[in-house]
Every structure is written in structure tokens, then in C-alpha cells.
């Protein structure tokens, strides 16, 4: 893991090798950015996320995640996760915030983890085949 600021353009050759797992959010980052001197000095703020790859600017991270989701053919799943966040997370009020949480959920893939608190409820609503597959896998693991 690196703490350096990383810039990866979506669609680049470097971006094609990145997986959602590489982009899991460890924590959010932010820093003040200054340009100019004296009375011409202009300051702004840069928001980002710390990942295994490094500190990536937030809008670039979102674009990379959307590119991975598009390439994997899971845009419908992203939409379902966004709807889930809007319905079940009380402090989420905007579609933008819900999509941010959905992108994080996609990177973490909690919807594939039977130990996650929302696994059953989410999959009952949107992916019943995932529950069936999990049930089948659990039956195979039980001793005879």
C-alpha cells in the first residue's frame, strides 16, 4: 500500500489492469491546494480516497469504479445498490450520496458475503439466485 497521490485515467492501459478490490476505500482524504502568491493566491480543497493503490482524487476514483462496473457488465447491480442505499440508509438523502455508497459497496462486494448484515435482505430483493447459490454451497460443505 502506498500513501502517495495517484492519478489513473479511466480507459487507460493502466486502468484496465485495476480491479474493484484494488479500489476499496480505506478512508477518505482531503487537502488544501494553493495556487499563486500574495494577493493573487487562490486556495481550493481536494477530496479523495485512500486505496491499496494510493490516494486517488474522488471523482477519478468514481470514474474508475464505474469503468470497472461497466466492463464487468454489472451496471444493473450498481443501480440496485444505489436504490438499496436510498431505501435503507437513513442519512442518505441524495442520489449522488447513495451512488457513492453503492460504488464503495461494489468495491467491497458485501452483497456476495453471507456474513454481511444486509446480504440476505438485499439478495432476497434483487438477486434471489445468489441466495440459492449460497444455500447450495452451504449444503455441500456439511458433513455426511
Protein backbone atom coordinates (compact mmCIF):
# COMPACT_ATOMS: atom_id res chain seq x y z
CA UNK A 1 0.00 0.00 0.00
CA UNK A 2 1.19 3.49 -0.80
CA UNK A 3 0.17 6.84 0.65
CA UNK A 4 1.28 8.73 -2.44
CA UNK A 5 -1.21 10.60 -4.58
CA UNK A 6 -2.06 8.54 -7.65
CA UNK A 7 -3.58 9.67 -10.93
CA UNK A 8 -5.02 6.97 -13.20
CA UNK A 9 -7.12 7.91 -16.18
CA UNK A 10 -10.19 5.69 -16.76
CA UNK A 11 -9.84 3.78 -20.03
CA UNK A 12 -6.03 3.88 -19.95
CA UNK A 13 -3.98 0.69 -20.21
CA UNK A 14 -3.08 1.07 -16.52
CA UNK A 15 -6.78 1.34 -15.60
CA UNK A 16 -7.62 -1.86 -17.46
CA UNK A 17 -5.42 -3.85 -15.05
CA UNK A 18 -7.13 -2.45 -11.94
CA UNK A 19 -9.82 -4.44 -10.11
CA UNK A 20 -12.55 -3.25 -7.77
CA UNK A 21 -10.60 -4.90 -4.96
CA UNK A 22 -7.66 -2.55 -5.67
CA UNK A 23 -10.01 0.41 -5.25
CA UNK A 24 -11.57 -0.50 -1.90
CA UNK A 25 -11.87 2.63 0.23
CA UNK A 26 -9.73 2.54 3.34
CA UNK A 27 -10.59 6.11 4.34
CA UNK A 28 -11.34 9.49 2.80
CA UNK A 29 -8.62 12.05 2.29
CA UNK A 30 -8.54 15.78 1.78
CA UNK A 31 -6.03 18.53 1.39
CA UNK A 32 -5.87 22.21 0.73
CA UNK A 33 -4.48 23.17 -2.68
CA UNK A 34 -2.96 26.62 -3.18
CA UNK A 35 -2.01 28.40 -6.39
CA UNK A 36 -0.38 31.78 -6.80
CA UNK A 37 1.26 34.11 -4.30
CA UNK A 38 0.30 37.05 -2.15
CA UNK A 39 -2.99 38.72 -3.01
CA UNK A 40 -3.30 36.51 -6.13
CA UNK A 41 -3.23 33.36 -4.05
CA UNK A 42 -6.19 31.05 -4.66
CA UNK A 43 -6.94 28.08 -2.44
CA UNK A 44 -9.23 25.14 -3.05
CA UNK A 45 -9.85 21.77 -1.48
CA UNK A 46 -9.16 18.34 -2.98
CA UNK A 47 -11.18 15.35 -1.77
CA UNK A 48 -10.00 11.80 -2.34
CA UNK A 49 -9.96 8.22 -1.12
CA UNK A 50 -7.09 6.13 0.18
CA UNK A 51 -6.93 2.75 -1.57
CA UNK A 52 -4.37 -0.03 -1.88
CA UNK A 53 -3.04 1.81 -4.93
CA UNK A 54 -2.69 5.15 -3.14
CA UNK A 55 -4.63 8.38 -2.64
CA UNK A 56 -6.96 8.91 -5.62
CA UNK A 57 -9.00 12.07 -6.23
CA UNK A 58 -12.67 11.29 -5.53
CA UNK A 59 -14.14 12.00 -8.98
CA UNK A 60 -11.35 9.98 -10.62
CA UNK A 61 -12.00 7.07 -8.22
CA UNK A 62 -15.70 7.19 -9.06
CA UNK A 63 -14.94 7.16 -12.80
CA UNK A 64 -12.56 4.20 -12.36
CA UNK A 65 -15.18 2.27 -10.37
CA UNK A 66 -17.88 2.97 -12.99
CA UNK A 67 -15.49 1.81 -15.72
CA UNK A 68 -14.81 -1.46 -13.86
CA UNK A 69 -18.54 -2.00 -13.32
CA UNK A 70 -19.30 -1.27 -16.98
CA UNK A 71 -16.57 -3.67 -18.17
CA UNK A 72 -17.86 -6.41 -15.88
CA UNK A 73 -21.42 -5.94 -17.15
CA UNK A 74 -22.80 -5.14 -13.70
CA UNK A 75 -24.42 -1.74 -14.29
CA UNK A 76 -27.79 -3.15 -13.22
CA UNK A 77 -26.22 -4.24 -9.91
CA UNK A 78 -24.87 -0.69 -9.37
CA UNK A 79 -28.38 0.68 -9.91
CA UNK A 80 -29.79 -1.87 -7.45
CA UNK A 81 -27.16 -0.99 -4.83
CA UNK A 82 -27.93 2.71 -5.29
CA UNK A 83 -31.65 2.07 -4.75
CA UNK A 84 -30.84 -0.09 -1.71
CA UNK A 85 -28.77 2.69 -0.16
CA UNK A 86 -31.56 5.23 -0.75
CA UNK A 87 -34.12 2.92 0.85
CA UNK A 88 -32.16 1.57 3.82
CA UNK A 89 -29.62 4.20 4.88
CA UNK A 90 -31.40 6.92 6.87
CA UNK A 91 -28.73 9.60 6.43
CA UNK A 92 -28.61 9.24 2.64
CA UNK A 93 -30.91 11.80 1.04
CA UNK A 94 -29.46 12.36 -2.42
CA UNK A 95 -28.91 10.03 -5.33
CA UNK A 96 -25.29 11.26 -5.54
CA UNK A 97 -24.57 10.17 -1.94
CA UNK A 98 -26.37 6.86 -2.49
CA UNK A 99 -24.32 6.16 -5.60
CA UNK A 100 -21.09 6.92 -3.72
CA UNK A 101 -22.02 4.33 -1.08
CA UNK A 102 -23.08 1.91 -3.82
CA UNK A 103 -19.67 2.27 -5.51
CA UNK A 104 -18.00 1.52 -2.17
CA UNK A 105 -20.30 -1.47 -1.68
CA UNK A 106 -19.35 -2.72 -5.12
CA UNK A 107 -15.65 -2.45 -4.31
CA UNK A 108 -16.19 -4.33 -1.01
CA UNK A 109 -18.69 -6.77 -2.57
CA UNK A 110 -20.60 -7.20 0.68
CA UNK A 111 -23.59 -8.44 -1.34
CA UNK A 112 -21.58 -11.63 -2.02
CA UNK A 113 -20.62 -12.12 1.64
CA UNK A 114 -23.17 -14.19 3.63
CA UNK A 115 -21.75 -12.78 6.88
CA UNK A 116 -22.73 -9.20 5.98
CA UNK A 117 -25.82 -7.90 7.77
CA UNK A 118 -27.57 -6.87 4.53
CA UNK A 119 -26.66 -9.96 2.48
CA UNK A 120 -29.96 -11.80 2.89
CA UNK A 121 -32.30 -8.81 2.65
CA UNK A 122 -30.55 -7.30 -0.39
CA UNK A 123 -30.29 -10.58 -2.25
CA UNK A 124 -33.90 -11.57 -1.47
CA UNK A 125 -35.00 -8.34 -3.12
CA UNK A 126 -32.57 -8.07 -6.06
CA UNK A 127 -30.60 -11.32 -6.50
CA UNK A 128 -32.50 -14.40 -5.34
CA UNK A 129 -30.17 -16.57 -7.43
CA UNK A 130 -27.27 -15.50 -5.18
CA UNK A 131 -29.15 -16.78 -2.15
CA UNK A 132 -29.89 -20.06 -3.90
CA UNK A 133 -26.24 -20.43 -4.89
CA UNK A 134 -25.14 -19.69 -1.30
CA UNK A 135 -27.63 -22.24 0.01
CA UNK A 136 -26.30 -24.85 -2.43
CA UNK A 137 -22.68 -24.12 -1.43
CA UNK A 138 -23.54 -24.46 2.28
CA UNK A 139 -25.24 -27.81 1.68
CA UNK A 140 -22.09 -29.15 0.01
CA UNK A 141 -19.91 -28.14 2.98
CA UNK A 142 -21.94 -30.04 5.58
CA UNK A 143 -20.50 -33.44 6.57
CA UNK A 144 -22.36 -36.62 5.57
